[in-house]
Every structure is written in C-alpha cells, then in structure tokens.
N, C-alpha and C. Protein backbone atom coordinates (compact mmCIF):
# COMPACT_ATOMS: atom_id res chain seq x y z
N UNK A 1 106.16 46.07 -173.12
CA UNK A 1 106.83 45.84 -171.86
C UNK A 1 108.25 45.35 -172.17
N UNK A 2 109.23 45.85 -171.45
CA UNK A 2 110.61 45.44 -171.67
C UNK A 2 110.91 44.12 -170.97
N UNK A 3 111.99 43.49 -171.38
CA UNK A 3 112.42 42.23 -170.78
C UNK A 3 113.12 42.53 -169.46
N UNK A 4 112.76 41.85 -168.37
CA UNK A 4 113.41 42.13 -167.09
C UNK A 4 114.84 41.61 -167.07
N UNK A 5 115.69 42.23 -166.25
CA UNK A 5 117.04 41.69 -166.09
C UNK A 5 116.97 40.29 -165.49
N UNK A 6 118.02 39.48 -165.66
CA UNK A 6 117.98 38.10 -165.15
C UNK A 6 118.00 38.04 -163.62
N UNK A 7 117.39 36.99 -163.10
CA UNK A 7 117.45 36.69 -161.67
C UNK A 7 118.57 35.69 -161.46
N UNK A 8 119.39 35.90 -160.44
CA UNK A 8 120.56 35.05 -160.20
C UNK A 8 120.25 33.78 -159.40
N UNK A 9 119.09 33.70 -158.77
CA UNK A 9 118.75 32.51 -158.00
C UNK A 9 117.83 32.86 -156.85
N UNK A 10 117.32 31.85 -156.19
CA UNK A 10 116.47 32.04 -155.03
C UNK A 10 117.37 32.18 -153.81
N UNK A 11 117.25 33.27 -153.06
CA UNK A 11 118.14 33.57 -151.96
C UNK A 11 117.58 33.15 -150.61
N UNK A 12 116.33 33.53 -150.34
CA UNK A 12 115.75 33.27 -149.02
C UNK A 12 114.44 32.52 -149.15
N UNK A 13 114.18 31.66 -148.20
CA UNK A 13 112.90 31.01 -148.03
C UNK A 13 112.51 31.19 -146.57
N UNK A 14 111.24 31.51 -146.31
CA UNK A 14 110.80 31.75 -144.94
C UNK A 14 109.77 30.73 -144.51
N UNK A 15 109.91 30.27 -143.27
CA UNK A 15 108.89 29.47 -142.60
C UNK A 15 108.49 30.21 -141.34
N UNK A 16 107.26 29.99 -140.90
CA UNK A 16 106.73 30.63 -139.70
C UNK A 16 106.38 29.54 -138.71
N UNK A 17 106.90 29.66 -137.49
CA UNK A 17 106.80 28.57 -136.51
C UNK A 17 106.19 29.05 -135.20
N UNK A 18 105.62 28.11 -134.45
CA UNK A 18 104.99 28.43 -133.17
C UNK A 18 105.95 28.36 -132.00
N UNK A 19 107.01 27.60 -132.10
CA UNK A 19 107.96 27.42 -131.00
C UNK A 19 109.38 27.53 -131.57
N UNK A 20 109.98 28.71 -131.43
CA UNK A 20 111.30 28.96 -132.03
C UNK A 20 112.35 28.00 -131.50
N UNK A 21 112.40 27.80 -130.20
CA UNK A 21 113.43 26.92 -129.62
C UNK A 21 113.33 25.51 -130.19
N UNK A 22 112.12 24.98 -130.29
CA UNK A 22 111.89 23.64 -130.84
C UNK A 22 112.33 23.58 -132.30
N UNK A 23 112.02 24.61 -133.06
CA UNK A 23 112.40 24.63 -134.47
C UNK A 23 113.90 24.76 -134.66
N UNK A 24 114.56 25.56 -133.82
CA UNK A 24 116.01 25.68 -133.91
C UNK A 24 116.66 24.33 -133.68
N UNK A 25 116.20 23.60 -132.68
CA UNK A 25 116.75 22.26 -132.42
C UNK A 25 116.56 21.37 -133.65
N UNK A 26 115.38 21.41 -134.26
CA UNK A 26 115.11 20.56 -135.43
C UNK A 26 116.03 20.92 -136.59
N UNK A 27 116.05 22.18 -136.99
CA UNK A 27 116.84 22.56 -138.17
C UNK A 27 118.34 22.47 -137.91
N UNK A 28 118.77 22.76 -136.70
CA UNK A 28 120.20 22.69 -136.37
C UNK A 28 120.65 21.25 -136.13
N UNK A 29 119.95 20.53 -135.26
CA UNK A 29 120.42 19.21 -134.84
C UNK A 29 119.98 18.07 -135.75
N UNK A 30 118.77 18.13 -136.28
CA UNK A 30 118.28 17.04 -137.14
C UNK A 30 118.73 17.25 -138.58
N UNK A 31 118.59 18.48 -139.11
CA UNK A 31 118.98 18.72 -140.50
C UNK A 31 120.40 19.23 -140.65
N UNK A 32 121.03 19.62 -139.55
CA UNK A 32 122.44 20.03 -139.61
C UNK A 32 122.68 21.40 -140.20
N UNK A 33 121.67 22.27 -140.19
CA UNK A 33 121.86 23.62 -140.72
C UNK A 33 122.51 24.51 -139.66
N UNK A 34 123.47 25.31 -140.08
CA UNK A 34 124.18 26.19 -139.15
C UNK A 34 123.43 27.50 -138.98
N UNK A 35 123.09 27.86 -137.73
CA UNK A 35 122.45 29.16 -137.51
C UNK A 35 123.46 30.29 -137.76
N UNK A 36 123.01 31.33 -138.45
CA UNK A 36 123.84 32.52 -138.68
C UNK A 36 123.41 33.66 -137.78
N UNK A 37 122.12 33.71 -137.45
CA UNK A 37 121.55 34.69 -136.53
C UNK A 37 120.52 33.93 -135.71
N UNK A 38 120.52 34.10 -134.40
CA UNK A 38 119.52 33.45 -133.54
C UNK A 38 118.82 34.48 -132.69
N UNK A 39 117.50 34.41 -132.64
CA UNK A 39 116.72 35.32 -131.82
C UNK A 39 115.35 34.75 -131.55
N UNK A 40 114.59 35.43 -130.70
CA UNK A 40 113.24 34.97 -130.37
C UNK A 40 112.27 35.18 -131.53
N UNK A 41 112.48 36.23 -132.33
CA UNK A 41 111.60 36.54 -133.46
C UNK A 41 112.05 35.87 -134.75
N UNK A 42 113.38 35.73 -134.93
CA UNK A 42 113.93 35.24 -136.19
C UNK A 42 115.21 34.46 -135.94
N UNK A 43 115.32 33.30 -136.57
CA UNK A 43 116.59 32.57 -136.64
C UNK A 43 116.87 32.34 -138.12
N UNK A 44 118.12 32.62 -138.51
CA UNK A 44 118.55 32.51 -139.90
C UNK A 44 119.55 31.37 -140.01
N UNK A 45 119.29 30.44 -140.94
CA UNK A 45 120.15 29.29 -141.15
C UNK A 45 120.82 29.35 -142.52
N UNK A 46 122.07 28.89 -142.57
CA UNK A 46 122.77 28.69 -143.83
C UNK A 46 122.17 27.45 -144.47
N UNK A 47 121.55 27.61 -145.64
CA UNK A 47 120.91 26.49 -146.33
C UNK A 47 121.73 26.01 -147.51
N UNK A 48 123.00 26.39 -147.59
CA UNK A 48 123.87 25.93 -148.66
C UNK A 48 123.64 26.65 -149.97
N UNK A 49 124.63 26.59 -150.85
CA UNK A 49 124.55 27.19 -152.19
C UNK A 49 124.06 28.62 -152.16
N UNK A 50 124.49 29.40 -151.22
CA UNK A 50 124.11 30.80 -151.04
C UNK A 50 122.66 30.96 -150.59
N UNK A 51 121.97 29.87 -150.25
CA UNK A 51 120.59 29.94 -149.82
C UNK A 51 120.49 30.15 -148.31
N UNK A 52 119.43 30.82 -147.91
CA UNK A 52 119.20 31.14 -146.51
C UNK A 52 117.78 30.72 -146.14
N UNK A 53 117.64 30.03 -145.01
CA UNK A 53 116.33 29.69 -144.47
C UNK A 53 116.05 30.65 -143.32
N UNK A 54 114.98 31.43 -143.45
CA UNK A 54 114.54 32.35 -142.41
C UNK A 54 113.42 31.66 -141.64
N UNK A 55 113.60 31.48 -140.34
CA UNK A 55 112.57 30.89 -139.50
C UNK A 55 112.06 31.99 -138.57
N UNK A 56 110.83 32.41 -138.81
CA UNK A 56 110.21 33.48 -138.04
C UNK A 56 109.24 32.91 -137.02
N UNK A 57 109.19 33.51 -135.85
CA UNK A 57 108.13 33.19 -134.88
C UNK A 57 106.81 33.69 -135.49
N UNK A 58 105.86 32.79 -135.59
CA UNK A 58 104.58 33.12 -136.21
C UNK A 58 103.96 34.35 -135.53
N UNK A 59 103.52 35.31 -136.35
CA UNK A 59 102.86 36.51 -135.86
C UNK A 59 103.80 37.62 -135.41
N UNK A 60 105.10 37.37 -135.37
CA UNK A 60 106.05 38.36 -134.87
C UNK A 60 106.67 39.23 -135.96
N UNK A 61 106.31 39.01 -137.21
CA UNK A 61 106.87 39.82 -138.29
C UNK A 61 105.76 40.44 -139.15
N UNK A 62 104.56 40.53 -138.59
CA UNK A 62 103.41 41.05 -139.33
C UNK A 62 103.57 42.54 -139.64
N UNK A 63 104.12 43.29 -138.71
CA UNK A 63 104.27 44.73 -138.89
C UNK A 63 105.56 45.07 -139.65
N UNK A 64 105.53 46.20 -140.37
CA UNK A 64 106.75 46.68 -141.02
C UNK A 64 107.84 46.86 -139.98
N UNK A 65 109.09 46.66 -140.39
CA UNK A 65 110.25 46.80 -139.50
C UNK A 65 111.12 47.96 -139.99
N UNK A 66 110.79 49.21 -139.59
CA UNK A 66 111.62 50.34 -140.02
C UNK A 66 112.89 50.43 -139.17
N UNK A 67 113.96 50.89 -139.80
CA UNK A 67 115.21 51.15 -139.10
C UNK A 67 115.90 52.32 -139.80
N UNK A 68 117.05 52.72 -139.29
CA UNK A 68 117.79 53.82 -139.92
C UNK A 68 118.31 53.43 -141.31
N UNK A 69 118.31 52.13 -141.63
CA UNK A 69 118.81 51.65 -142.93
C UNK A 69 117.70 51.42 -143.95
N UNK A 70 116.44 51.47 -143.52
CA UNK A 70 115.33 51.25 -144.45
C UNK A 70 114.17 50.55 -143.76
N UNK A 71 113.31 49.93 -144.56
CA UNK A 71 112.11 49.27 -144.05
C UNK A 71 111.98 47.88 -144.66
N UNK A 72 111.75 46.88 -143.81
CA UNK A 72 111.39 45.54 -144.27
C UNK A 72 109.87 45.44 -144.10
N UNK A 73 109.13 45.21 -145.20
CA UNK A 73 107.67 45.11 -145.09
C UNK A 73 107.25 43.92 -144.23
N UNK A 74 106.13 44.08 -143.53
CA UNK A 74 105.59 43.00 -142.71
C UNK A 74 105.17 41.81 -143.55
N UNK A 75 105.22 40.62 -142.95
CA UNK A 75 104.84 39.39 -143.62
C UNK A 75 104.56 38.32 -142.56
N UNK A 76 103.87 37.27 -142.95
CA UNK A 76 103.59 36.16 -142.05
C UNK A 76 103.03 35.02 -142.90
N UNK A 77 102.89 33.86 -142.32
CA UNK A 77 102.34 32.73 -143.03
C UNK A 77 101.56 31.82 -142.10
N UNK A 78 100.55 31.20 -142.64
CA UNK A 78 99.70 30.27 -141.90
C UNK A 78 99.59 28.97 -142.67
N UNK A 79 99.33 27.91 -141.95
CA UNK A 79 99.11 26.61 -142.58
C UNK A 79 100.41 25.91 -142.92
N UNK A 80 100.30 24.67 -143.38
CA UNK A 80 101.50 23.91 -143.72
C UNK A 80 102.11 24.39 -145.04
N UNK A 81 103.28 24.97 -144.94
CA UNK A 81 104.00 25.44 -146.11
C UNK A 81 104.92 24.33 -146.62
N UNK A 82 105.52 24.53 -147.78
CA UNK A 82 106.42 23.53 -148.37
C UNK A 82 107.71 24.18 -148.82
N UNK A 83 108.81 23.48 -148.64
CA UNK A 83 110.10 23.89 -149.19
C UNK A 83 110.94 22.65 -149.41
N UNK A 84 111.94 22.77 -150.29
CA UNK A 84 112.81 21.64 -150.59
C UNK A 84 114.27 22.04 -150.44
N UNK A 85 115.07 21.12 -149.91
CA UNK A 85 116.52 21.27 -149.84
C UNK A 85 117.13 20.38 -150.91
N UNK A 86 118.16 20.87 -151.57
CA UNK A 86 118.90 20.09 -152.56
C UNK A 86 119.91 19.19 -151.84
N UNK A 87 119.95 17.92 -152.23
CA UNK A 87 120.94 16.99 -151.68
C UNK A 87 121.61 16.23 -152.83
N UNK A 88 122.78 15.70 -152.57
CA UNK A 88 123.48 14.89 -153.56
C UNK A 88 122.76 13.55 -153.74
N UNK A 89 122.76 13.04 -154.94
CA UNK A 89 122.08 11.77 -155.22
C UNK A 89 122.63 10.64 -154.36
N UNK A 90 123.93 10.63 -154.12
CA UNK A 90 124.51 9.53 -153.35
C UNK A 90 124.29 9.66 -151.85
N UNK A 91 123.64 10.74 -151.40
CA UNK A 91 123.34 10.88 -149.96
C UNK A 91 121.88 10.55 -149.63
N UNK A 92 121.10 10.19 -150.64
CA UNK A 92 119.67 9.95 -150.45
C UNK A 92 119.40 8.88 -149.38
N UNK A 93 120.01 7.72 -149.50
CA UNK A 93 119.77 6.64 -148.54
C UNK A 93 120.29 6.99 -147.16
N UNK A 94 121.41 7.69 -147.10
CA UNK A 94 121.96 8.12 -145.80
C UNK A 94 121.00 9.10 -145.13
N UNK A 95 120.40 10.01 -145.90
CA UNK A 95 119.42 10.93 -145.33
C UNK A 95 118.19 10.18 -144.81
N UNK A 96 117.70 9.22 -145.59
CA UNK A 96 116.54 8.44 -145.15
C UNK A 96 116.85 7.77 -143.81
N UNK A 97 118.02 7.15 -143.70
CA UNK A 97 118.41 6.47 -142.47
C UNK A 97 118.59 7.47 -141.32
N UNK A 98 119.19 8.61 -141.61
CA UNK A 98 119.41 9.64 -140.58
C UNK A 98 118.08 10.15 -140.02
N UNK A 99 117.15 10.47 -140.91
CA UNK A 99 115.85 10.97 -140.46
C UNK A 99 115.10 9.92 -139.65
N UNK A 100 115.16 8.66 -140.07
CA UNK A 100 114.51 7.58 -139.33
C UNK A 100 115.12 7.45 -137.94
N UNK A 101 116.45 7.52 -137.86
CA UNK A 101 117.13 7.41 -136.57
C UNK A 101 116.79 8.58 -135.65
N UNK A 102 116.48 9.74 -136.25
CA UNK A 102 116.11 10.92 -135.47
C UNK A 102 114.63 10.92 -135.10
N UNK A 103 113.90 9.88 -135.51
CA UNK A 103 112.48 9.79 -135.18
C UNK A 103 111.58 10.63 -136.07
N UNK A 104 112.07 11.06 -137.22
CA UNK A 104 111.28 11.87 -138.14
C UNK A 104 110.45 10.94 -139.02
N UNK A 105 109.16 11.16 -139.05
CA UNK A 105 108.25 10.32 -139.83
C UNK A 105 108.24 10.76 -141.29
N UNK A 106 108.45 9.81 -142.17
CA UNK A 106 108.39 10.08 -143.61
C UNK A 106 106.94 10.27 -144.03
N UNK A 107 106.71 11.26 -144.87
CA UNK A 107 105.38 11.50 -145.42
C UNK A 107 105.24 10.91 -146.81
N UNK A 108 106.39 10.72 -147.50
CA UNK A 108 106.33 10.17 -148.84
C UNK A 108 107.68 10.20 -149.51
N UNK A 109 107.74 9.49 -150.62
CA UNK A 109 108.92 9.49 -151.48
C UNK A 109 108.42 9.58 -152.91
N UNK A 110 109.27 10.12 -153.76
CA UNK A 110 108.90 10.26 -155.17
C UNK A 110 110.12 9.99 -156.04
N UNK A 111 109.88 9.25 -157.13
CA UNK A 111 110.89 9.03 -158.16
C UNK A 111 110.42 9.83 -159.38
N UNK A 112 111.20 10.85 -159.75
CA UNK A 112 110.78 11.78 -160.79
C UNK A 112 111.19 11.29 -162.18
N UNK A 113 110.43 11.67 -163.22
CA UNK A 113 110.72 11.22 -164.59
C UNK A 113 112.14 11.54 -165.07
N UNK A 114 112.74 12.61 -164.57
CA UNK A 114 114.09 12.99 -164.99
C UNK A 114 115.18 12.27 -164.20
N UNK A 115 114.78 11.40 -163.27
CA UNK A 115 115.75 10.62 -162.51
C UNK A 115 115.97 11.08 -161.08
N UNK A 116 115.45 12.23 -160.71
CA UNK A 116 115.59 12.71 -159.34
C UNK A 116 114.70 11.95 -158.38
N UNK A 117 115.06 12.03 -157.11
CA UNK A 117 114.24 11.40 -156.06
C UNK A 117 114.01 12.42 -154.95
N UNK A 118 112.89 12.28 -154.26
CA UNK A 118 112.54 13.18 -153.17
C UNK A 118 112.07 12.41 -151.96
N UNK A 119 112.50 12.87 -150.79
CA UNK A 119 112.00 12.40 -149.49
C UNK A 119 111.15 13.54 -148.92
N UNK A 120 109.97 13.21 -148.41
CA UNK A 120 109.08 14.21 -147.81
C UNK A 120 108.87 13.88 -146.34
N UNK A 121 108.92 14.91 -145.49
CA UNK A 121 108.70 14.77 -144.05
C UNK A 121 108.24 16.11 -143.52
N UNK A 122 107.86 16.14 -142.24
CA UNK A 122 107.38 17.39 -141.63
C UNK A 122 108.36 17.90 -140.59
N UNK A 123 108.39 19.23 -140.46
CA UNK A 123 109.11 19.82 -139.34
C UNK A 123 108.15 19.84 -138.15
N UNK A 124 108.58 20.30 -136.97
CA UNK A 124 107.69 20.26 -135.80
C UNK A 124 106.41 21.08 -135.94
N UNK A 125 106.35 22.03 -136.89
CA UNK A 125 105.15 22.83 -137.09
C UNK A 125 104.26 22.31 -138.21
N UNK A 126 104.60 21.15 -138.77
CA UNK A 126 103.78 20.56 -139.81
C UNK A 126 104.08 21.04 -141.22
N UNK A 127 105.15 21.83 -141.40
CA UNK A 127 105.54 22.23 -142.75
C UNK A 127 106.09 21.01 -143.47
N UNK A 128 105.72 20.86 -144.73
CA UNK A 128 106.18 19.72 -145.52
C UNK A 128 107.54 20.07 -146.12
N UNK A 129 108.57 19.36 -145.66
CA UNK A 129 109.93 19.57 -146.13
C UNK A 129 110.31 18.45 -147.08
N UNK A 130 111.19 18.77 -148.00
CA UNK A 130 111.60 17.82 -149.03
C UNK A 130 113.12 17.86 -149.15
N UNK A 131 113.71 16.70 -149.32
CA UNK A 131 115.11 16.57 -149.69
C UNK A 131 115.10 16.00 -151.09
N UNK A 132 115.68 16.74 -152.05
CA UNK A 132 115.57 16.36 -153.46
C UNK A 132 116.95 16.23 -154.10
N UNK A 133 117.10 15.19 -154.91
CA UNK A 133 118.35 14.96 -155.64
C UNK A 133 118.26 15.60 -157.03
N UNK A 134 119.40 15.79 -157.70
CA UNK A 134 119.35 16.31 -159.06
C UNK A 134 118.50 15.41 -159.96
N UNK A 135 117.86 16.03 -160.93
CA UNK A 135 116.98 15.31 -161.84
C UNK A 135 115.52 15.58 -161.54
N UNK A 136 115.25 16.55 -160.70
CA UNK A 136 113.87 16.90 -160.37
C UNK A 136 113.29 17.87 -161.40
N UNK A 137 114.06 18.89 -161.74
CA UNK A 137 113.63 19.95 -162.67
C UNK A 137 114.64 20.07 -163.79
N UNK A 138 114.25 20.70 -164.90
CA UNK A 138 115.24 20.93 -165.97
C UNK A 138 116.44 21.76 -165.48
N UNK A 139 116.23 22.58 -164.45
CA UNK A 139 117.31 23.42 -163.91
C UNK A 139 118.06 22.76 -162.76
N UNK A 140 117.59 21.59 -162.32
CA UNK A 140 118.24 20.89 -161.21
C UNK A 140 118.09 19.39 -161.40
C-alpha cells in the first residue's frame, strides 16, 4: 500500500440539532461564532483557523443532495456528540466567566499533562462542547 498524501487539517465538524433557531442563538450569541450561511436545514458558522461548524437540522440531511455541481452524500447523527474549540490560554478564565454569565452550566474542567486546560459544557441539544487551550495534544 502506498503512503497517502498529507492532510492539511480538519475543515468541517457537523452537529445535528432539533431546533435550528435555538441553536443559532446559542452558537452566534453565546459562543460568538459568525454565521456564514443560515437556513432551516443548515447553518454554517466560521469556527476560526479555517474551521467551519456545520449545524444541521436533525433528520434533514439523511438523503443524498444531488445538484448540477455534484452530489453530497446523506448523513445524520444521533445522541450527544462531542467537539472542541481552540482558545487562547489567557482567555480561559474569561470564557468561564462569560459562559456562567450566559447561564451555561459547566459539565467539567480538565488540566492536561501537557499543560492545556479544557472547559466542558452542553449546547441546547445536549452535545458536549469543549473549549481547550494549547497543551492538550502534541499537535496543539
């Protein structure tokens, strides 16, 4: 087997939600992510560092999406999913205070062996979200 070409990074992460309007308010107003595309089936947020958060209405992307430009295969997700956002180390305490002021309940915190720290909380659909500082992984 040959060696694959290198991957440049993770581009998109998808979450599936039951109430698009409620989720848009959370990701836009509480987390401060800028919507790039807004719709009833899909809202796309700028997640920084060339990353994109795709928020799909649960069950609305199960079927393939053919168009004149090609086909996007169907997909969906169930249950509490997990994703992490990268934050600067010096913004950790400010994020904790911001989330508390917004009424977001903390699920946990972690101090990692490499020096990184993580805050864990849920979005309105119960997905476990994380804000992580550098020092979590050898690559971050």
